[in-house]
Every structure is written in C-alpha cells, then in structure tokens.
Amino acid sequence: MTIRVNQAAIRHAKSLIREGKVVQDSDWSRANPTSDEENRFLEKENWTEYGRWYLALDTDGNEETKERYKFPYGDFKKVHRDGVIAAKQRAAQNDYGAIEKAADELLDLIDKDAESSQKR
C-alpha cells in the first residue's frame, strides 16, 4: 500500500476554506459520510469529484474504487474542522508524515480564517 497526499483534495479544501464553507464544531463520528452517502454522491458525481474529499490516495488501489481514497475531511458540501483533525491524528498514528503535514496546514488555514472573521 502506497499512500500519498492527494493534491487535488488539498486545493479543493483550501478553496472551500477561503469561501467560508467550513463547519467549525461537529461530531465527526456522525458527520463523516456513511457508505450510503458516499454511494449517493457517486451516483450524482464521478470518481474525480469523490476523490477531492479525501486527503490521501492509495496508489495501489483502482481509481474507481473507494479503497483508493483515504482520510476524508468533509461531508461533500463543507470542510469539517473535526474531520481534518481526525485525518491528522490518523496520519500521525500511521506514520504518514506528509498527510499529517497537509492536514496541519489546512487546520492553520481554517483557524486563521475563523480568527479573521471574528475580527470583522
């Protein structure tokens, strides 16, 4: 299994964060999309769009299977801060330093955006 950062997902997450499409406080265990929600998303969209919601790719997995996409961070509408935290923690536990770093950068961006919004 070869896991690498999904650059398209990082760009997508940053774009959503800049647009303010962030859930600051959620119960990620409940907000994390279920298999049924993933399937409904795939019925409407495609694998490229699906992949933009996962911070990592398993390059050994087929591009059109769920096993290829790792570390979800949102609900197919918004970035969930708790989802990014969960991804960072799991990456750290499994020694995926590049994924952990990418998640940390997203958290910094989320927190800076929230801080600047409070100042307005």
PDB file of N, CA and C in Angstrom:
ATOM      1  N   MET A   1       0.851  -1.175   0.000  1.00  0.00           N
ATOM      2  CA  MET A   1       0.000   0.000   0.000  1.00  0.00           C
ATOM      3  C   MET A   1       0.895   1.235   0.000  1.00  0.00           C
ATOM      4  N   THR A   2       0.740   2.075  -1.022  1.00  0.00           N
ATOM      5  CA  THR A   2       1.482   3.317  -1.129  1.00  0.00           C
ATOM      6  C   THR A   2       0.501   4.477  -0.969  1.00  0.00           C
ATOM      7  N   ILE A   3       0.661   5.215   0.115  1.00  0.00           N
ATOM      8  CA  ILE A   3      -0.235   6.327   0.423  1.00  0.00           C
ATOM      9  C   ILE A   3       0.499   7.630   0.136  1.00  0.00           C
ATOM     10  N   ARG A   4      -0.168   8.519  -0.593  1.00  0.00           N
ATOM     11  CA  ARG A   4       0.432   9.836  -0.860  1.00  0.00           C
ATOM     12  C   ARG A   4      -0.631  10.916  -0.736  1.00  0.00           C
ATOM     13  N   VAL A   5      -0.177  12.140  -0.588  1.00  0.00           N
ATOM     14  CA  VAL A   5      -1.078  13.284  -0.468  1.00  0.00           C
ATOM     15  C   VAL A   5      -1.843  13.454  -1.773  1.00  0.00           C
ATOM     16  N   ASN A   6      -3.127  13.702  -1.645  1.00  0.00           N
ATOM     17  CA  ASN A   6      -3.992  13.971  -2.787  1.00  0.00           C
ATOM     18  C   ASN A   6      -4.016  15.484  -3.004  1.00  0.00           C
ATOM     19  N   GLN A   7      -3.182  15.960  -3.906  1.00  0.00           N
ATOM     20  CA  GLN A   7      -3.039  17.409  -4.128  1.00  0.00           C
ATOM     21  C   GLN A   7      -4.344  18.054  -4.594  1.00  0.00           C
ATOM     22  N   ALA A   8      -5.127  17.339  -5.384  1.00  0.00           N
ATOM     23  CA  ALA A   8      -6.418  17.893  -5.830  1.00  0.00           C
ATOM     24  C   ALA A   8      -7.336  18.128  -4.635  1.00  0.00           C
ATOM     25  N   ALA A   9      -7.294  17.238  -3.664  1.00  0.00           N
ATOM     26  CA  ALA A   9      -8.122  17.396  -2.458  1.00  0.00           C
ATOM     27  C   ALA A   9      -7.640  18.574  -1.621  1.00  0.00           C
ATOM     28  N   ILE A  10      -6.340  18.750  -1.538  1.00  0.00           N
ATOM     29  CA  ILE A  10      -5.792  19.876  -0.776  1.00  0.00           C
ATOM     30  C   ILE A  10      -6.228  21.187  -1.415  1.00  0.00           C
ATOM     31  N   ARG A  11      -6.120  21.282  -2.733  1.00  0.00           N
ATOM     32  CA  ARG A  11      -6.558  22.506  -3.432  1.00  0.00           C
ATOM     33  C   ARG A  11      -8.052  22.739  -3.210  1.00  0.00           C
ATOM     34  N   HIS A  12      -8.841  21.680  -3.294  1.00  0.00           N
ATOM     35  CA  HIS A  12     -10.292  21.785  -3.108  1.00  0.00           C
ATOM     36  C   HIS A  12     -10.616  22.254  -1.688  1.00  0.00           C
ATOM     37  N   ALA A  13      -9.978  21.650  -0.705  1.00  0.00           N
ATOM     38  CA  ALA A  13     -10.222  22.028   0.694  1.00  0.00           C
ATOM     39  C   ALA A  13      -9.840  23.486   0.929  1.00  0.00           C
ATOM     40  N   LYS A  14      -8.707  23.914   0.414  1.00  0.00           N
ATOM     41  CA  LYS A  14      -8.287  25.312   0.586  1.00  0.00           C
ATOM     42  C   LYS A  14      -9.290  26.268  -0.047  1.00  0.00           C
ATOM     43  N   SER A  15      -9.788  25.906  -1.210  1.00  0.00           N
ATOM     44  CA  SER A  15     -10.787  26.735  -1.882  1.00  0.00           C
ATOM     45  C   SER A  15     -12.059  26.844  -1.032  1.00  0.00           C
ATOM     46  N   LEU A  16     -12.510  25.720  -0.506  1.00  0.00           N
ATOM     47  CA  LEU A  16     -13.709  25.731   0.344  1.00  0.00           C
ATOM     48  C   LEU A  16     -13.481  26.562   1.602  1.00  0.00           C
ATOM     49  N   ILE A  17     -12.313  26.449   2.186  1.00  0.00           N
ATOM     50  CA  ILE A  17     -11.996  27.215   3.397  1.00  0.00           C
ATOM     51  C   ILE A  17     -12.024  28.704   3.089  1.00  0.00           C
ATOM     52  N   ARG A  18     -11.410  29.106   1.980  1.00  0.00           N
ATOM     53  CA  ARG A  18     -11.411  30.525   1.592  1.00  0.00           C
ATOM     54  C   ARG A  18     -12.825  31.040   1.333  1.00  0.00           C
ATOM     55  N   GLU A  19     -13.712  30.152   0.871  1.00  0.00           N
ATOM     56  CA  GLU A  19     -15.115  30.526   0.627  1.00  0.00           C
ATOM     57  C   GLU A  19     -15.945  30.504   1.908  1.00  0.00           C
ATOM     58  N   GLY A  20     -15.346  30.105   3.011  1.00  0.00           N
ATOM     59  CA  GLY A  20     -16.061  30.044   4.279  1.00  0.00           C
ATOM     60  C   GLY A  20     -16.932  28.811   4.433  1.00  0.00           C
ATOM     61  N   LYS A  21     -16.721  27.818   3.607  1.00  0.00           N
ATOM     62  CA  LYS A  21     -17.520  26.586   3.672  1.00  0.00           C
ATOM     63  C   LYS A  21     -16.863  25.603   4.633  1.00  0.00           C
ATOM     64  N   VAL A  22     -16.957  25.959   5.928  1.00  0.00           N
ATOM     65  CA  VAL A  22     -16.304  25.195   6.987  1.00  0.00           C
ATOM     66  C   VAL A  22     -17.280  25.005   8.133  1.00  0.00           C
ATOM     67  N   VAL A  23     -17.328  23.816   8.662  1.00  0.00           N
ATOM     68  CA  VAL A  23     -18.064  23.538   9.893  1.00  0.00           C
ATOM     69  C   VAL A  23     -17.013  23.525  11.001  1.00  0.00           C
ATOM     70  N   GLN A  24     -17.091  24.504  11.890  1.00  0.00           N
ATOM     71  CA  GLN A  24     -16.073  24.660  12.931  1.00  0.00           C
ATOM     72  C   GLN A  24     -16.166  23.602  14.024  1.00  0.00           C
ATOM     73  N   ASP A  25     -17.378  23.235  14.383  1.00  0.00           N
ATOM     74  CA  ASP A  25     -17.550  22.323  15.511  1.00  0.00           C
ATOM     75  C   ASP A  25     -18.605  21.291  15.155  1.00  0.00           C
ATOM     76  N   SER A  26     -18.164  20.063  14.947  1.00  0.00           N
ATOM     77  CA  SER A  26     -19.100  18.988  14.621  1.00  0.00           C
ATOM     78  C   SER A  26     -18.627  17.709  15.295  1.00  0.00           C
ATOM     79  N   ASP A  27     -19.510  16.776  15.384  1.00  0.00           N
ATOM     80  CA  ASP A  27     -19.147  15.445  15.865  1.00  0.00           C
ATOM     81  C   ASP A  27     -18.779  14.639  14.629  1.00  0.00           C
ATOM     82  N   TRP A  28     -17.475  14.563  14.340  1.00  0.00           N
ATOM     83  CA  TRP A  28     -17.026  13.946  13.095  1.00  0.00           C
ATOM     84  C   TRP A  28     -17.475  12.496  12.981  1.00  0.00           C
ATOM     85  N   SER A  29     -17.614  11.820  14.106  1.00  0.00           N
ATOM     86  CA  SER A  29     -18.054  10.423  14.042  1.00  0.00           C
ATOM     87  C   SER A  29     -19.462  10.320  13.447  1.00  0.00           C
ATOM     88  N   ARG A  30     -20.220  11.391  13.548  1.00  0.00           N
ATOM     89  CA  ARG A  30     -21.570  11.417  12.954  1.00  0.00           C
ATOM     90  C   ARG A  30     -21.606  12.154  11.622  1.00  0.00           C
ATOM     91  N   ALA A  31     -20.699  13.107  11.445  1.00  0.00           N
ATOM     92  CA  ALA A  31     -20.688  13.913  10.217  1.00  0.00           C
ATOM     93  C   ALA A  31     -19.952  13.212   9.075  1.00  0.00           C
ATOM     94  N   ASN A  32     -19.034  12.321   9.419  1.00  0.00           N
ATOM     95  CA  ASN A  32     -18.272  11.575   8.417  1.00  0.00           C
ATOM     96  C   ASN A  32     -19.254  10.807   7.533  1.00  0.00           C
ATOM     97  N   PRO A  33     -19.194  11.000   6.223  1.00  0.00           N
ATOM     98  CA  PRO A  33     -20.171  10.340   5.337  1.00  0.00           C
ATOM     99  C   PRO A  33     -20.204   8.827   5.485  1.00  0.00           C
ATOM    100  N   THR A  34     -21.410   8.305   5.504  1.00  0.00           N
ATOM    101  CA  THR A  34     -21.599   6.853   5.555  1.00  0.00           C
ATOM    102  C   THR A  34     -21.383   6.277   4.162  1.00  0.00           C
ATOM    103  N   SER A  35     -21.309   4.976   4.093  1.00  0.00           N
ATOM    104  CA  SER A  35     -21.164   4.301   2.807  1.00  0.00           C
ATOM    105  C   SER A  35     -22.343   4.631   1.882  1.00  0.00           C
ATOM    106  N   ASP A  36     -23.545   4.685   2.435  1.00  0.00           N
ATOM    107  CA  ASP A  36     -24.719   5.036   1.628  1.00  0.00           C
ATOM    108  C   ASP A  36     -24.620   6.461   1.091  1.00  0.00           C
ATOM    109  N   GLU A  37     -24.149   7.390   1.933  1.00  0.00           N
ATOM    110  CA  GLU A  37     -23.985   8.778   1.478  1.00  0.00           C
ATOM    111  C   GLU A  37     -22.909   8.878   0.400  1.00  0.00           C
ATOM    112  N   GLU A  38     -21.853   8.104   0.562  1.00  0.00           N
ATOM    113  CA  GLU A  38     -20.813   8.075  -0.469  1.00  0.00           C
ATOM    114  C   GLU A  38     -21.388   7.553  -1.786  1.00  0.00           C
ATOM    115  N   ASN A  39     -22.179   6.494  -1.708  1.00  0.00           N
ATOM    116  CA  ASN A  39     -22.774   5.921  -2.919  1.00  0.00           C
ATOM    117  C   ASN A  39     -23.714   6.904  -3.592  1.00  0.00           C
ATOM    118  N   ARG A  40     -24.521   7.619  -2.817  1.00  0.00           N
ATOM    119  CA  ARG A  40     -25.430   8.621  -3.398  1.00  0.00           C
ATOM    120  C   ARG A  40     -24.631   9.728  -4.085  1.00  0.00           C
ATOM    121  N   PHE A  41     -23.524  10.151  -3.458  1.00  0.00           N
ATOM    122  CA  PHE A  41     -22.667  11.171  -4.062  1.00  0.00           C
ATOM    123  C   PHE A  41     -22.114  10.673  -5.390  1.00  0.00           C
ATOM    124  N   LEU A  42     -21.659   9.429  -5.404  1.00  0.00           N
ATOM    125  CA  LEU A  42     -21.095   8.858  -6.634  1.00  0.00           C
ATOM    126  C   LEU A  42     -22.146   8.694  -7.728  1.00  0.00           C
ATOM    127  N   GLU A  43     -23.391   8.469  -7.363  1.00  0.00           N
ATOM    128  CA  GLU A  43     -24.461   8.377  -8.365  1.00  0.00           C
ATOM    129  C   GLU A  43     -24.666   9.712  -9.071  1.00  0.00           C
ATOM    130  N   LYS A  44     -24.463  10.816  -8.341  1.00  0.00           N
ATOM    131  CA  LYS A  44     -24.667  12.154  -8.901  1.00  0.00           C
ATOM    132  C   LYS A  44     -23.403  12.710  -9.552  1.00  0.00           C
ATOM    133  N   GLU A  45     -22.262  12.363  -8.997  1.00  0.00           N
ATOM    134  CA  GLU A  45     -20.984  12.926  -9.440  1.00  0.00           C
ATOM    135  C   GLU A  45     -20.134  11.842 -10.101  1.00  0.00           C
ATOM    136  N   ASN A  46     -18.824  11.971  -9.975  1.00  0.00           N
ATOM    137  CA  ASN A  46     -17.911  10.993 -10.562  1.00  0.00           C
ATOM    138  C   ASN A  46     -16.759  10.736  -9.592  1.00  0.00           C
ATOM    139  N   TRP A  47     -15.876   9.844  -9.956  1.00  0.00           N
ATOM    140  CA  TRP A  47     -14.778   9.478  -9.069  1.00  0.00           C
ATOM    141  C   TRP A  47     -13.811  10.639  -8.843  1.00  0.00           C
ATOM    142  N   THR A  48     -13.644  11.493  -9.829  1.00  0.00           N
ATOM    143  CA  THR A  48     -12.759  12.649  -9.661  1.00  0.00           C
ATOM    144  C   THR A  48     -13.298  13.565  -8.566  1.00  0.00           C
ATOM    145  N   GLU A  49     -14.604  13.848  -8.630  1.00  0.00           N
ATOM    146  CA  GLU A  49     -15.225  14.698  -7.601  1.00  0.00           C
ATOM    147  C   GLU A  49     -15.176  14.017  -6.237  1.00  0.00           C
ATOM    148  N   TYR A  50     -15.433  12.741  -6.207  1.00  0.00           N
ATOM    149  CA  TYR A  50     -15.385  11.971  -4.960  1.00  0.00           C
ATOM    150  C   TYR A  50     -13.990  12.081  -4.337  1.00  0.00           C
ATOM    151  N   GLY A  51     -12.971  11.908  -5.134  1.00  0.00           N
ATOM    152  CA  GLY A  51     -11.605  11.934  -4.641  1.00  0.00           C
ATOM    153  C   GLY A  51     -11.188  13.254  -4.046  1.00  0.00           C
ATOM    154  N   ARG A  52     -11.817  14.338  -4.470  1.00  0.00           N
ATOM    155  CA  ARG A  52     -11.456  15.657  -3.946  1.00  0.00           C
ATOM    156  C   ARG A  52     -11.817  15.825  -2.470  1.00  0.00           C
ATOM    157  N   TRP A  53     -12.518  14.862  -1.893  1.00  0.00           N
ATOM    158  CA  TRP A  53     -12.930  14.924  -0.484  1.00  0.00           C
ATOM    159  C   TRP A  53     -12.066  14.042   0.418  1.00  0.00           C
ATOM    160  N   TYR A  54     -10.949  13.547  -0.115  1.00  0.00           N
ATOM    161  CA  TYR A  54     -10.061  12.653   0.640  1.00  0.00           C
ATOM    162  C   TYR A  54      -8.622  13.153   0.524  1.00  0.00           C
ATOM    163  N   LEU A  55      -7.969  13.344   1.661  1.00  0.00           N
ATOM    164  CA  LEU A  55      -6.645  13.952   1.677  1.00  0.00           C
ATOM    165  C   LEU A  55      -5.537  13.061   1.140  1.00  0.00           C
ATOM    166  N   ALA A  56      -5.809  11.766   0.996  1.00  0.00           N
ATOM    167  CA  ALA A  56      -4.752  10.858   0.542  1.00  0.00           C
ATOM    168  C   ALA A  56      -5.273   9.858  -0.481  1.00  0.00           C
ATOM    169  N   LEU A  57      -4.330   9.355  -1.254  1.00  0.00           N
ATOM    170  CA  LEU A  57      -4.619   8.329  -2.250  1.00  0.00           C
ATOM    171  C   LEU A  57      -3.768   7.105  -1.957  1.00  0.00           C
ATOM    172  N   ASP A  58      -4.376   5.944  -2.077  1.00  0.00           N
ATOM    173  CA  ASP A  58      -3.632   4.684  -2.055  1.00  0.00           C
ATOM    174  C   ASP A  58      -3.365   4.362  -3.518  1.00  0.00           C
ATOM    175  N   THR A  59      -2.151   4.578  -3.953  1.00  0.00           N
ATOM    176  CA  THR A  59      -1.842   4.431  -5.375  1.00  0.00           C
ATOM    177  C   THR A  59      -1.904   2.980  -5.845  1.00  0.00           C
ATOM    178  N   ASP A  60      -1.992   2.034  -4.911  1.00  0.00           N
ATOM    179  CA  ASP A  60      -2.168   0.634  -5.291  1.00  0.00           C
ATOM    180  C   ASP A  60      -3.634   0.317  -5.582  1.00  0.00           C
ATOM    181  N   GLY A  61      -4.543   1.183  -5.133  1.00  0.00           N
ATOM    182  CA  GLY A  61      -5.972   0.952  -5.337  1.00  0.00           C
ATOM    183  C   GLY A  61      -6.442   1.445  -6.695  1.00  0.00           C
ATOM    184  N   ASN A  62      -7.418   0.762  -7.245  1.00  0.00           N
ATOM    185  CA  ASN A  62      -8.019   1.164  -8.517  1.00  0.00           C
ATOM    186  C   ASN A  62      -8.652   2.542  -8.370  1.00  0.00           C
ATOM    187  N   GLU A  63      -8.489   3.385  -9.387  1.00  0.00           N
ATOM    188  CA  GLU A  63      -9.002   4.758  -9.324  1.00  0.00           C
ATOM    189  C   GLU A  63     -10.512   4.827  -9.141  1.00  0.00           C
ATOM    190  N   GLU A  64     -11.223   3.814  -9.515  1.00  0.00           N
ATOM    191  CA  GLU A  64     -12.681   3.847  -9.401  1.00  0.00           C
ATOM    192  C   GLU A  64     -13.180   2.873  -8.334  1.00  0.00           C
ATOM    193  N   THR A  65     -12.480   2.900  -7.193  1.00  0.00           N
ATOM    194  CA  THR A  65     -12.927   2.145  -6.025  1.00  0.00           C
ATOM    195  C   THR A  65     -12.710   3.004  -4.790  1.00  0.00           C
ATOM    196  N   LYS A  66     -13.531   2.782  -3.790  1.00  0.00           N
ATOM    197  CA  LYS A  66     -13.409   3.549  -2.550  1.00  0.00           C
ATOM    198  C   LYS A  66     -12.101   3.269  -1.829  1.00  0.00           C
ATOM    199  N   GLU A  67     -11.542   2.087  -2.018  1.00  0.00           N
ATOM    200  CA  GLU A  67     -10.305   1.739  -1.302  1.00  0.00           C
ATOM    201  C   GLU A  67      -9.136   2.642  -1.692  1.00  0.00           C
ATOM    202  N   ARG A  68      -9.223   3.320  -2.812  1.00  0.00           N
ATOM    203  CA  ARG A  68      -8.148   4.218  -3.247  1.00  0.00           C
ATOM    204  C   ARG A  68      -8.089   5.495  -2.405  1.00  0.00           C
ATOM    205  N   TYR A  69      -9.208   5.920  -1.854  1.00  0.00           N
ATOM    206  CA  TYR A  69      -9.319   7.227  -1.219  1.00  0.00           C
ATOM    207  C   TYR A  69      -9.314   7.105   0.301  1.00  0.00           C
ATOM    208  N   LYS A  70      -8.408   7.859   0.934  1.00  0.00           N
ATOM    209  CA  LYS A  70      -8.178   7.766   2.378  1.00  0.00           C
ATOM    210  C   LYS A  70      -8.256   9.149   3.020  1.00  0.00           C
ATOM    211  N   PHE A  71      -8.590   9.173   4.277  1.00  0.00           N
ATOM    212  CA  PHE A  71      -8.600  10.376   5.097  1.00  0.00           C
ATOM    213  C   PHE A  71      -9.629  11.421   4.636  1.00  0.00           C
ATOM    214  N   PRO A  72     -10.918  11.123   4.816  1.00  0.00           N
ATOM    215  CA  PRO A  72     -11.957  12.094   4.469  1.00  0.00           C
ATOM    216  C   PRO A  72     -11.880  13.307   5.388  1.00  0.00           C
ATOM    217  N   TYR A  73     -12.287  14.460   4.865  1.00  0.00           N
ATOM    218  CA  TYR A  73     -12.225  15.694   5.661  1.00  0.00           C
ATOM    219  C   TYR A  73     -13.522  16.501   5.627  1.00  0.00           C
ATOM    220  N   GLY A  74     -14.505  16.049   4.877  1.00  0.00           N
ATOM    221  CA  GLY A  74     -15.732  16.827   4.767  1.00  0.00           C
ATOM    222  C   GLY A  74     -16.918  15.952   4.443  1.00  0.00           C
ATOM    223  N   ASP A  75     -18.056  16.598   4.272  1.00  0.00           N
ATOM    224  CA  ASP A  75     -19.330  15.893   4.074  1.00  0.00           C
ATOM    225  C   ASP A  75     -19.863  16.036   2.649  1.00  0.00           C
ATOM    226  N   PHE A  76     -18.988  16.319   1.703  1.00  0.00           N
ATOM    227  CA  PHE A  76     -19.319  16.533   0.290  1.00  0.00           C
ATOM    228  C   PHE A  76     -19.976  17.887   0.055  1.00  0.00           C
ATOM    229  N   LYS A  77     -20.018  18.726   1.089  1.00  0.00           N
ATOM    230  CA  LYS A  77     -20.516  20.096   0.956  1.00  0.00           C
ATOM    231  C   LYS A  77     -19.555  21.084   1.597  1.00  0.00           C
ATOM    232  N   LYS A  78     -19.079  20.721   2.796  1.00  0.00           N
ATOM    233  CA  LYS A  78     -18.222  21.613   3.569  1.00  0.00           C
ATOM    234  C   LYS A  78     -17.064  20.839   4.194  1.00  0.00           C
ATOM    235  N   VAL A  79     -16.015  21.588   4.494  1.00  0.00           N
ATOM    236  CA  VAL A  79     -14.885  21.062   5.246  1.00  0.00           C
ATOM    237  C   VAL A  79     -15.306  21.023   6.715  1.00  0.00           C
ATOM    238  N   HIS A  80     -15.005  19.943   7.379  1.00  0.00           N
ATOM    239  CA  HIS A  80     -15.271  19.839   8.819  1.00  0.00           C
ATOM    240  C   HIS A  80     -13.935  19.920   9.550  1.00  0.00           C
ATOM    241  N   ARG A  81     -13.798  20.925  10.395  1.00  0.00           N
ATOM    242  CA  ARG A  81     -12.561  21.074  11.162  1.00  0.00           C
ATOM    243  C   ARG A  81     -12.240  19.780  11.911  1.00  0.00           C
ATOM    244  N   ASP A  82     -13.251  19.177  12.520  1.00  0.00           N
ATOM    245  CA  ASP A  82     -13.032  17.927  13.254  1.00  0.00           C
ATOM    246  C   ASP A  82     -12.621  16.785  12.318  1.00  0.00           C
ATOM    247  N   GLY A  83     -13.056  16.825  11.067  1.00  0.00           N
ATOM    248  CA  GLY A  83     -12.635  15.827  10.084  1.00  0.00           C
ATOM    249  C   GLY A  83     -11.165  15.979   9.740  1.00  0.00           C
ATOM    250  N   VAL A  84     -10.716  17.225   9.633  1.00  0.00           N
ATOM    251  CA  VAL A  84      -9.300  17.479   9.350  1.00  0.00           C
ATOM    252  C   VAL A  84      -8.456  17.045  10.550  1.00  0.00           C
ATOM    253  N   ILE A  85      -8.942  17.319  11.758  1.00  0.00           N
ATOM    254  CA  ILE A  85      -8.228  16.891  12.971  1.00  0.00           C
ATOM    255  C   ILE A  85      -8.127  15.363  13.005  1.00  0.00           C
ATOM    256  N   ALA A  86      -9.233  14.692  12.710  1.00  0.00           N
ATOM    257  CA  ALA A  86      -9.233  13.220  12.700  1.00  0.00           C
ATOM    258  C   ALA A  86      -8.240  12.685  11.669  1.00  0.00           C
ATOM    259  N   ALA A  87      -8.201  13.302  10.496  1.00  0.00           N
ATOM    260  CA  ALA A  87      -7.258  12.872   9.457  1.00  0.00           C
ATOM    261  C   ALA A  87      -5.821  13.074   9.933  1.00  0.00           C
ATOM    262  N   LYS A  88      -5.556  14.209  10.553  1.00  0.00           N
ATOM    263  CA  LYS A  88      -4.210  14.487  11.055  1.00  0.00           C
ATOM    264  C   LYS A  88      -3.807  13.450  12.107  1.00  0.00           C
ATOM    265  N   GLN A  89      -4.708  13.151  13.023  1.00  0.00           N
ATOM    266  CA  GLN A  89      -4.403  12.185  14.081  1.00  0.00           C
ATOM    267  C   GLN A  89      -4.144  10.785  13.512  1.00  0.00           C
ATOM    268  N   ARG A  90      -4.998  10.352  12.600  1.00  0.00           N
ATOM    269  CA  ARG A  90      -4.817   9.024  11.993  1.00  0.00           C
ATOM    270  C   ARG A  90      -3.518   8.959  11.199  1.00  0.00           C
ATOM    271  N   ALA A  91      -3.211  10.044  10.490  1.00  0.00           N
ATOM    272  CA  ALA A  91      -1.961  10.076   9.724  1.00  0.00           C
ATOM    273  C   ALA A  91      -0.762   9.967  10.660  1.00  0.00           C
ATOM    274  N   ALA A  92      -0.801  10.682  11.773  1.00  0.00           N
ATOM    275  CA  ALA A  92       0.295  10.635  12.744  1.00  0.00           C
ATOM    276  C   ALA A  92       0.438   9.225  13.322  1.00  0.00           C
ATOM    277  N   GLN A  93      -0.687   8.604  13.652  1.00  0.00           N
ATOM    278  CA  GLN A  93      -0.665   7.256  14.228  1.00  0.00           C
ATOM    279  C   GLN A  93      -0.067   6.231  13.263  1.00  0.00           C
ATOM    280  N   ASN A  94      -0.218   6.479  11.974  1.00  0.00           N
ATOM    281  CA  ASN A  94       0.243   5.523  10.965  1.00  0.00           C
ATOM    282  C   ASN A  94       1.527   5.968  10.260  1.00  0.00           C
ATOM    283  N   ASP A  95       2.170   6.993  10.802  1.00  0.00           N
ATOM    284  CA  ASP A  95       3.433   7.499  10.258  1.00  0.00           C
ATOM    285  C   ASP A  95       3.344   7.977   8.811  1.00  0.00           C
ATOM    286  N   TYR A  96       2.246   8.642   8.482  1.00  0.00           N
ATOM    287  CA  TYR A  96       2.115   9.279   7.173  1.00  0.00           C
ATOM    288  C   TYR A  96       2.394  10.769   7.363  1.00  0.00           C
ATOM    289  N   GLY A  97       3.670  11.098   7.466  1.00  0.00           N
ATOM    290  CA  GLY A  97       4.074  12.466   7.777  1.00  0.00           C
ATOM    291  C   GLY A  97       3.569  13.509   6.798  1.00  0.00           C
ATOM    292  N   ALA A  98       3.580  13.195   5.519  1.00  0.00           N
ATOM    293  CA  ALA A  98       3.135  14.174   4.513  1.00  0.00           C
ATOM    294  C   ALA A  98       1.637  14.457   4.640  1.00  0.00           C
ATOM    295  N   ILE A  99       0.866  13.428   4.965  1.00  0.00           N
ATOM    296  CA  ILE A  99      -0.583  13.616   5.145  1.00  0.00           C
ATOM    297  C   ILE A  99      -0.827  14.431   6.415  1.00  0.00           C
ATOM    298  N   GLU A 100      -0.100  14.109   7.466  1.00  0.00           N
ATOM    299  CA  GLU A 100      -0.226  14.852   8.725  1.00  0.00           C
ATOM    300  C   GLU A 100       0.101  16.328   8.499  1.00  0.00           C
ATOM    301  N   LYS A 101       1.171  16.598   7.771  1.00  0.00           N
ATOM    302  CA  LYS A 101       1.574  17.980   7.495  1.00  0.00           C
ATOM    303  C   LYS A 101       0.510  18.705   6.673  1.00  0.00           C
ATOM    304  N   ALA A 102      -0.037  18.042   5.666  1.00  0.00           N
ATOM    305  CA  ALA A 102      -1.076  18.659   4.832  1.00  0.00           C
ATOM    306  C   ALA A 102      -2.308  18.990   5.667  1.00  0.00           C
ATOM    307  N   ALA A 103      -2.708  18.073   6.534  1.00  0.00           N
ATOM    308  CA  ALA A 103      -3.862  18.321   7.405  1.00  0.00           C
ATOM    309  C   ALA A 103      -3.575  19.478   8.352  1.00  0.00           C
ATOM    310  N   ASP A 104      -2.360  19.541   8.870  1.00  0.00           N
ATOM    311  CA  ASP A 104      -1.976  20.621   9.767  1.00  0.00           C
ATOM    312  C   ASP A 104      -2.046  21.974   9.059  1.00  0.00           C
ATOM    313  N   GLU A 105      -1.616  22.016   7.812  1.00  0.00           N
ATOM    314  CA  GLU A 105      -1.695  23.264   7.036  1.00  0.00           C
ATOM    315  C   GLU A 105      -3.156  23.681   6.833  1.00  0.00           C
ATOM    316  N   LEU A 106      -4.027  22.706   6.584  1.00  0.00           N
ATOM    317  CA  LEU A 106      -5.450  23.033   6.442  1.00  0.00           C
ATOM    318  C   LEU A 106      -6.015  23.564   7.754  1.00  0.00           C
ATOM    319  N   LEU A 107      -5.630  22.959   8.864  1.00  0.00           N
ATOM    320  CA  LEU A 107      -6.093  23.443  10.171  1.00  0.00           C
ATOM    321  C   LEU A 107      -5.642  24.873  10.410  1.00  0.00           C
ATOM    322  N   ASP A 108      -4.396  25.173  10.075  1.00  0.00           N
ATOM    323  CA  ASP A 108      -3.906  26.545  10.221  1.00  0.00           C
ATOM    324  C   ASP A 108      -4.740  27.508   9.392  1.00  0.00           C
ATOM    325  N   LEU A 109      -5.047  27.123   8.173  1.00  0.00           N
ATOM    326  CA  LEU A 109      -5.853  27.975   7.300  1.00  0.00           C
ATOM    327  C   LEU A 109      -7.265  28.161   7.861  1.00  0.00           C
ATOM    328  N   ILE A 110      -7.859  27.076   8.358  1.00  0.00           N
ATOM    329  CA  ILE A 110      -9.191  27.157   8.963  1.00  0.00           C
ATOM    330  C   ILE A 110      -9.170  28.103  10.159  1.00  0.00           C
ATOM    331  N   ASP A 111      -8.180  27.946  11.020  1.00  0.00           N
ATOM    332  CA  ASP A 111      -8.109  28.763  12.238  1.00  0.00           C
ATOM    333  C   ASP A 111      -7.827  30.222  11.917  1.00  0.00           C
ATOM    334  N   LYS A 112      -6.972  30.480  10.944  1.00  0.00           N
ATOM    335  CA  LYS A 112      -6.698  31.873  10.540  1.00  0.00           C
ATOM    336  C   LYS A 112      -7.945  32.507   9.950  1.00  0.00           C
ATOM    337  N   ASP A 113      -8.679  31.749   9.140  1.00  0.00           N
ATOM    338  CA  ASP A 113      -9.906  32.267   8.543  1.00  0.00           C
ATOM    339  C   ASP A 113     -10.943  32.571   9.628  1.00  0.00           C
ATOM    340  N   ALA A 114     -11.079  31.690  10.603  1.00  0.00           N
ATOM    341  CA  ALA A 114     -12.025  31.905  11.697  1.00  0.00           C
ATOM    342  C   ALA A 114     -11.622  33.114  12.527  1.00  0.00           C
ATOM    343  N   GLU A 115     -10.324  33.254  12.759  1.00  0.00           N
ATOM    344  CA  GLU A 115      -9.811  34.385  13.543  1.00  0.00           C
ATOM    345  C   GLU A 115     -10.081  35.697  12.825  1.00  0.00           C
ATOM    346  N   SER A 116      -9.835  35.743  11.514  1.00  0.00           N
ATOM    347  CA  SER A 116     -10.050  36.985  10.768  1.00  0.00           C
ATOM    348  C   SER A 116     -11.538  37.304  10.664  1.00  0.00           C
ATOM    349  N   SER A 117     -12.388  36.294  10.618  1.00  0.00           N
ATOM    350  CA  SER A 117     -13.837  36.523  10.593  1.00  0.00           C
ATOM    351  C   SER A 117     -14.334  37.129  11.888  1.00  0.00           C
ATOM    352  N   GLN A 118     -13.744  36.722  13.009  1.00  0.00           N
ATOM    353  CA  GLN A 118     -14.141  37.260  14.304  1.00  0.00           C
ATOM    354  C   GLN A 118     -13.736  38.708  14.460  1.00  0.00           C
ATOM    355  N   LYS A 119     -12.663  39.121  13.809  1.00  0.00           N
ATOM    356  CA  LYS A 119     -12.171  40.489  13.916  1.00  0.00           C
ATOM    357  C   LYS A 119     -13.013  41.467  13.111  1.00  0.00           C
ATOM    358  N   ARG A 120     -13.763  40.954  12.145  1.00  0.00           N
ATOM    359  CA  ARG A 120     -14.543  41.846  11.267  1.00  0.00           C
ATOM    360  C   ARG A 120     -15.738  42.406  11.962  1.00  0.00           C
TER     361      ARG A 120
END
